PDB file of N, CA and C in Angstrom:
ATOM      1  N   MET A   1     -12.511  25.641 -29.249  1.00  0.00           N
ATOM      2  CA  MET A   1     -12.490  25.823 -27.806  1.00  0.00           C
ATOM      3  C   MET A   1     -12.716  24.499 -27.066  1.00  0.00           C
ATOM      4  N   PRO A   2     -13.684  23.651 -27.454  1.00  0.00           N
ATOM      5  CA  PRO A   2     -13.844  22.385 -26.745  1.00  0.00           C
ATOM      6  C   PRO A   2     -12.590  21.508 -26.814  1.00  0.00           C
ATOM      7  N   LEU A   3     -11.891  21.531 -27.955  1.00  0.00           N
ATOM      8  CA  LEU A   3     -10.654  20.755 -28.065  1.00  0.00           C
ATOM      9  C   LEU A   3      -9.586  21.315 -27.133  1.00  0.00           C
ATOM     10  N   ALA A   4      -9.499  22.633 -27.041  1.00  0.00           N
ATOM     11  CA  ALA A   4      -8.500  23.267 -26.165  1.00  0.00           C
ATOM     12  C   ALA A   4      -8.742  22.906 -24.710  1.00  0.00           C
ATOM     13  N   VAL A   5      -9.993  22.875 -24.299  1.00  0.00           N
ATOM     14  CA  VAL A   5     -10.318  22.519 -22.905  1.00  0.00           C
ATOM     15  C   VAL A   5      -9.899  21.083 -22.619  1.00  0.00           C
ATOM     16  N   ARG A   6     -10.110  20.195 -23.558  1.00  0.00           N
ATOM     17  CA  ARG A   6      -9.703  18.795 -23.360  1.00  0.00           C
ATOM     18  C   ARG A   6      -8.185  18.641 -23.383  1.00  0.00           C
ATOM     19  N   MET A   7      -7.527  19.376 -24.256  1.00  0.00           N
ATOM     20  CA  MET A   7      -6.073  19.284 -24.359  1.00  0.00           C
ATOM     21  C   MET A   7      -5.380  19.872 -23.132  1.00  0.00           C
ATOM     22  N   LEU A   8      -5.995  20.852 -22.503  1.00  0.00           N
ATOM     23  CA  LEU A   8      -5.425  21.441 -21.301  1.00  0.00           C
ATOM     24  C   LEU A   8      -5.241  20.387 -20.218  1.00  0.00           C
ATOM     25  N   HIS A   9      -6.239  19.554 -20.011  1.00  0.00           N
ATOM     26  CA  HIS A   9      -6.151  18.492 -19.001  1.00  0.00           C
ATOM     27  C   HIS A   9      -5.050  17.499 -19.357  1.00  0.00           C
ATOM     28  N   LEU A  10      -4.945  17.130 -20.614  1.00  0.00           N
ATOM     29  CA  LEU A  10      -3.921  16.186 -21.049  1.00  0.00           C
ATOM     30  C   LEU A  10      -2.526  16.778 -20.866  1.00  0.00           C
ATOM     31  N   THR A  11      -2.351  18.032 -21.235  1.00  0.00           N
ATOM     32  CA  THR A  11      -1.049  18.687 -21.102  1.00  0.00           C
ATOM     33  C   THR A  11      -0.645  18.816 -19.636  1.00  0.00           C
ATOM     34  N   LEU A  12      -1.569  19.215 -18.791  1.00  0.00           N
ATOM     35  CA  LEU A  12      -1.278  19.334 -17.361  1.00  0.00           C
ATOM     36  C   LEU A  12      -0.933  17.971 -16.766  1.00  0.00           C
ATOM     37  N   ALA A  13      -1.673  16.954 -17.120  1.00  0.00           N
ATOM     38  CA  ALA A  13      -1.400  15.608 -16.618  1.00  0.00           C
ATOM     39  C   ALA A  13      -0.027  15.130 -17.077  1.00  0.00           C
ATOM     40  N   SER A  14       0.346  15.426 -18.310  1.00  0.00           N
ATOM     41  CA  SER A  14       1.664  15.031 -18.815  1.00  0.00           C
ATOM     42  C   SER A  14       2.779  15.720 -18.028  1.00  0.00           C
ATOM     43  N   LEU A  15       2.617  17.004 -17.754  1.00  0.00           N
ATOM     44  CA  LEU A  15       3.626  17.714 -16.959  1.00  0.00           C
ATOM     45  C   LEU A  15       3.726  17.154 -15.543  1.00  0.00           C
ATOM     46  N   LEU A  16       2.591  16.909 -14.930  1.00  0.00           N
ATOM     47  CA  LEU A  16       2.599  16.368 -13.566  1.00  0.00           C
ATOM     48  C   LEU A  16       3.258  14.997 -13.518  1.00  0.00           C
ATOM     49  N   HIS A  17       3.032  14.202 -14.544  1.00  0.00           N
ATOM     50  CA  HIS A  17       3.578  12.847 -14.575  1.00  0.00           C
ATOM     51  C   HIS A  17       5.065  12.823 -14.937  1.00  0.00           C
ATOM     52  N   SER A  18       5.532  13.779 -15.741  1.00  0.00           N
ATOM     53  CA  SER A  18       6.900  13.761 -16.250  1.00  0.00           C
ATOM     54  C   SER A  18       7.939  14.286 -15.265  1.00  0.00           C
ATOM     55  N   PHE A  19       7.508  14.949 -14.238  1.00  0.00           N
ATOM     56  CA  PHE A  19       8.445  15.538 -13.287  1.00  0.00           C
ATOM     57  C   PHE A  19       8.123  15.076 -11.878  1.00  0.00           C
ATOM     58  N   ASP A  20       9.146  15.088 -11.038  1.00  0.00           N
ATOM     59  CA  ASP A  20       8.935  15.007  -9.601  1.00  0.00           C
ATOM     60  C   ASP A  20       8.836  16.451  -9.136  1.00  0.00           C
ATOM     61  N   TRP A  21       8.044  16.702  -8.120  1.00  0.00           N
ATOM     62  CA  TRP A  21       7.807  18.071  -7.667  1.00  0.00           C
ATOM     63  C   TRP A  21       8.225  18.207  -6.211  1.00  0.00           C
ATOM     64  N   LYS A  22       8.768  19.372  -5.870  1.00  0.00           N
ATOM     65  CA  LYS A  22       9.067  19.691  -4.474  1.00  0.00           C
ATOM     66  C   LYS A  22       8.559  21.099  -4.202  1.00  0.00           C
ATOM     67  N   LEU A  23       8.330  21.391  -2.961  1.00  0.00           N
ATOM     68  CA  LEU A  23       7.908  22.733  -2.570  1.00  0.00           C
ATOM     69  C   LEU A  23       9.125  23.647  -2.545  1.00  0.00           C
ATOM     70  N   ALA A  24       8.940  24.892  -2.926  1.00  0.00           N
ATOM     71  CA  ALA A  24      10.040  25.846  -2.978  1.00  0.00           C
ATOM     72  C   ALA A  24      10.527  26.213  -1.587  1.00  0.00           C
ATOM     73  N   ASP A  25      11.767  26.632  -1.501  1.00  0.00           N
ATOM     74  CA  ASP A  25      12.389  27.128  -0.268  1.00  0.00           C
ATOM     75  C   ASP A  25      12.408  26.109   0.859  1.00  0.00           C
ATOM     76  N   GLY A  26      12.407  24.811   0.525  1.00  0.00           N
ATOM     77  CA  GLY A  26      12.490  23.781   1.552  1.00  0.00           C
ATOM     78  C   GLY A  26      11.263  23.681   2.442  1.00  0.00           C
ATOM     79  N   LEU A  27      10.136  24.199   1.989  1.00  0.00           N
ATOM     80  CA  LEU A  27       8.903  24.164   2.767  1.00  0.00           C
ATOM     81  C   LEU A  27       8.410  22.723   2.914  1.00  0.00           C
ATOM     82  N   LYS A  28       7.985  22.364   4.083  1.00  0.00           N
ATOM     83  CA  LYS A  28       7.455  21.024   4.354  1.00  0.00           C
ATOM     84  C   LYS A  28       5.946  21.024   4.141  1.00  0.00           C
ATOM     85  N   PRO A  29       5.370  19.924   3.639  1.00  0.00           N
ATOM     86  CA  PRO A  29       3.918  19.871   3.415  1.00  0.00           C
ATOM     87  C   PRO A  29       3.103  20.158   4.679  1.00  0.00           C
ATOM     88  N   GLU A  30       3.636  19.781   5.844  1.00  0.00           N
ATOM     89  CA  GLU A  30       2.911  20.007   7.096  1.00  0.00           C
ATOM     90  C   GLU A  30       2.799  21.508   7.403  1.00  0.00           C
ATOM     91  N   ARG A  31       3.741  22.321   6.897  1.00  0.00           N
ATOM     92  CA  ARG A  31       3.776  23.747   7.192  1.00  0.00           C
ATOM     93  C   ARG A  31       3.130  24.590   6.095  1.00  0.00           C
ATOM     94  N   LEU A  32       2.517  23.945   5.104  1.00  0.00           N
ATOM     95  CA  LEU A  32       1.908  24.636   3.975  1.00  0.00           C
ATOM     96  C   LEU A  32       0.669  25.404   4.417  1.00  0.00           C
ATOM     97  N   ASP A  33       0.595  26.675   4.066  1.00  0.00           N
ATOM     98  CA  ASP A  33      -0.543  27.519   4.415  1.00  0.00           C
ATOM     99  C   ASP A  33      -1.694  27.218   3.447  1.00  0.00           C
ATOM    100  N   MET A  34      -2.791  26.688   3.955  1.00  0.00           N
ATOM    101  CA  MET A  34      -3.933  26.318   3.121  1.00  0.00           C
ATOM    102  C   MET A  34      -5.090  27.307   3.282  1.00  0.00           C
ATOM    103  N   SER A  35      -4.805  28.513   3.794  1.00  0.00           N
ATOM    104  CA  SER A  35      -5.876  29.502   3.945  1.00  0.00           C
ATOM    105  C   SER A  35      -6.334  29.979   2.572  1.00  0.00           C
ATOM    106  N   GLU A  36      -7.578  30.447   2.533  1.00  0.00           N
ATOM    107  CA  GLU A  36      -8.198  30.828   1.268  1.00  0.00           C
ATOM    108  C   GLU A  36      -8.508  32.313   1.249  1.00  0.00           C
ATOM    109  N   LYS A  37      -8.569  32.865   0.033  1.00  0.00           N
ATOM    110  CA  LYS A  37      -8.935  34.261  -0.173  1.00  0.00           C
ATOM    111  C   LYS A  37     -10.357  34.262  -0.737  1.00  0.00           C
ATOM    112  N   PHE A  38     -11.240  35.015  -0.134  1.00  0.00           N
ATOM    113  CA  PHE A  38     -12.644  35.036  -0.535  1.00  0.00           C
ATOM    114  C   PHE A  38     -12.826  35.789  -1.843  1.00  0.00           C
ATOM    115  N   GLY A  39     -13.701  35.277  -2.693  1.00  0.00           N
ATOM    116  CA  GLY A  39     -14.035  35.925  -3.956  1.00  0.00           C
ATOM    117  C   GLY A  39     -15.096  35.093  -4.662  1.00  0.00           C
ATOM    118  N   ILE A  40     -15.294  35.340  -5.939  1.00  0.00           N
ATOM    119  CA  ILE A  40     -16.261  34.547  -6.697  1.00  0.00           C
ATOM    120  C   ILE A  40     -15.830  33.083  -6.722  1.00  0.00           C
ATOM    121  N   THR A  41     -14.512  32.866  -6.898  1.00  0.00           N
ATOM    122  CA  THR A  41     -13.947  31.520  -6.764  1.00  0.00           C
ATOM    123  C   THR A  41     -12.955  31.554  -5.620  1.00  0.00           C
ATOM    124  N   LEU A  42     -12.759  30.428  -4.961  1.00  0.00           N
ATOM    125  CA  LEU A  42     -11.808  30.378  -3.858  1.00  0.00           C
ATOM    126  C   LEU A  42     -10.400  30.232  -4.414  1.00  0.00           C
ATOM    127  N   GLN A  43      -9.515  31.084  -3.951  1.00  0.00           N
ATOM    128  CA  GLN A  43      -8.114  31.016  -4.316  1.00  0.00           C
ATOM    129  C   GLN A  43      -7.297  30.887  -3.048  1.00  0.00           C
ATOM    130  N   LYS A  44      -6.096  30.334  -3.179  1.00  0.00           N
ATOM    131  CA  LYS A  44      -5.203  30.279  -2.034  1.00  0.00           C
ATOM    132  C   LYS A  44      -4.759  31.691  -1.693  1.00  0.00           C
ATOM    133  N   ALA A  45      -4.693  32.009  -0.416  1.00  0.00           N
ATOM    134  CA  ALA A  45      -4.242  33.333   0.009  1.00  0.00           C
ATOM    135  C   ALA A  45      -2.786  33.553  -0.388  1.00  0.00           C
ATOM    136  N   LEU A  46      -1.963  32.531  -0.224  1.00  0.00           N
ATOM    137  CA  LEU A  46      -0.574  32.566  -0.676  1.00  0.00           C
ATOM    138  C   LEU A  46      -0.434  31.527  -1.786  1.00  0.00           C
ATOM    139  N   PRO A  47      -0.037  31.930  -2.989  1.00  0.00           N
ATOM    140  CA  PRO A  47       0.049  30.976  -4.102  1.00  0.00           C
ATOM    141  C   PRO A  47       1.020  29.832  -3.814  1.00  0.00           C
ATOM    142  N   LEU A  48       0.702  28.662  -4.324  1.00  0.00           N
ATOM    143  CA  LEU A  48       1.562  27.491  -4.188  1.00  0.00           C
ATOM    144  C   LEU A  48       2.708  27.627  -5.174  1.00  0.00           C
ATOM    145  N   LEU A  49       3.917  27.426  -4.702  1.00  0.00           N
ATOM    146  CA  LEU A  49       5.080  27.471  -5.569  1.00  0.00           C
ATOM    147  C   LEU A  49       5.747  26.103  -5.507  1.00  0.00           C
ATOM    148  N   ALA A  50       5.651  25.364  -6.606  1.00  0.00           N
ATOM    149  CA  ALA A  50       6.256  24.042  -6.696  1.00  0.00           C
ATOM    150  C   ALA A  50       7.353  24.075  -7.753  1.00  0.00           C
ATOM    151  N   VAL A  51       8.448  23.383  -7.476  1.00  0.00           N
ATOM    152  CA  VAL A  51       9.599  23.382  -8.366  1.00  0.00           C
ATOM    153  C   VAL A  51       9.717  21.994  -8.992  1.00  0.00           C
ATOM    154  N   PRO A  52       9.782  21.919 -10.339  1.00  0.00           N
ATOM    155  CA  PRO A  52       9.918  20.607 -10.971  1.00  0.00           C
ATOM    156  C   PRO A  52      11.341  20.075 -10.864  1.00  0.00           C
ATOM    157  N   ILE A  53      11.443  18.774 -10.666  1.00  0.00           N
ATOM    158  CA  ILE A  53      12.714  18.073 -10.675  1.00  0.00           C
ATOM    159  C   ILE A  53      12.596  17.011 -11.751  1.00  0.00           C
ATOM    160  N   GLN A  54      13.417  17.096 -12.791  1.00  0.00           N
ATOM    161  CA  GLN A  54      13.295  16.160 -13.901  1.00  0.00           C
ATOM    162  C   GLN A  54      13.641  14.751 -13.455  1.00  0.00           C
ATOM    163  N   VAL A  55      12.833  13.790 -13.883  1.00  0.00           N
ATOM    164  CA  VAL A  55      13.027  12.387 -13.515  1.00  0.00           C
ATOM    165  C   VAL A  55      14.123  11.784 -14.348  1.00  0.00           C
TER     166      VAL A  55
END
């Protein structure tokens, strides 16, 4: 389990670095809804949808 937790960060970083990302449906960053849904942990009220563009 400790190895998996460390590898998760490495895998996510590799994906973020290997692709360019854009918001779905032509959404502009200025118009992004950043409201939160209350719970034990804070979650976005509307999930973020990002589309990878291969470099």
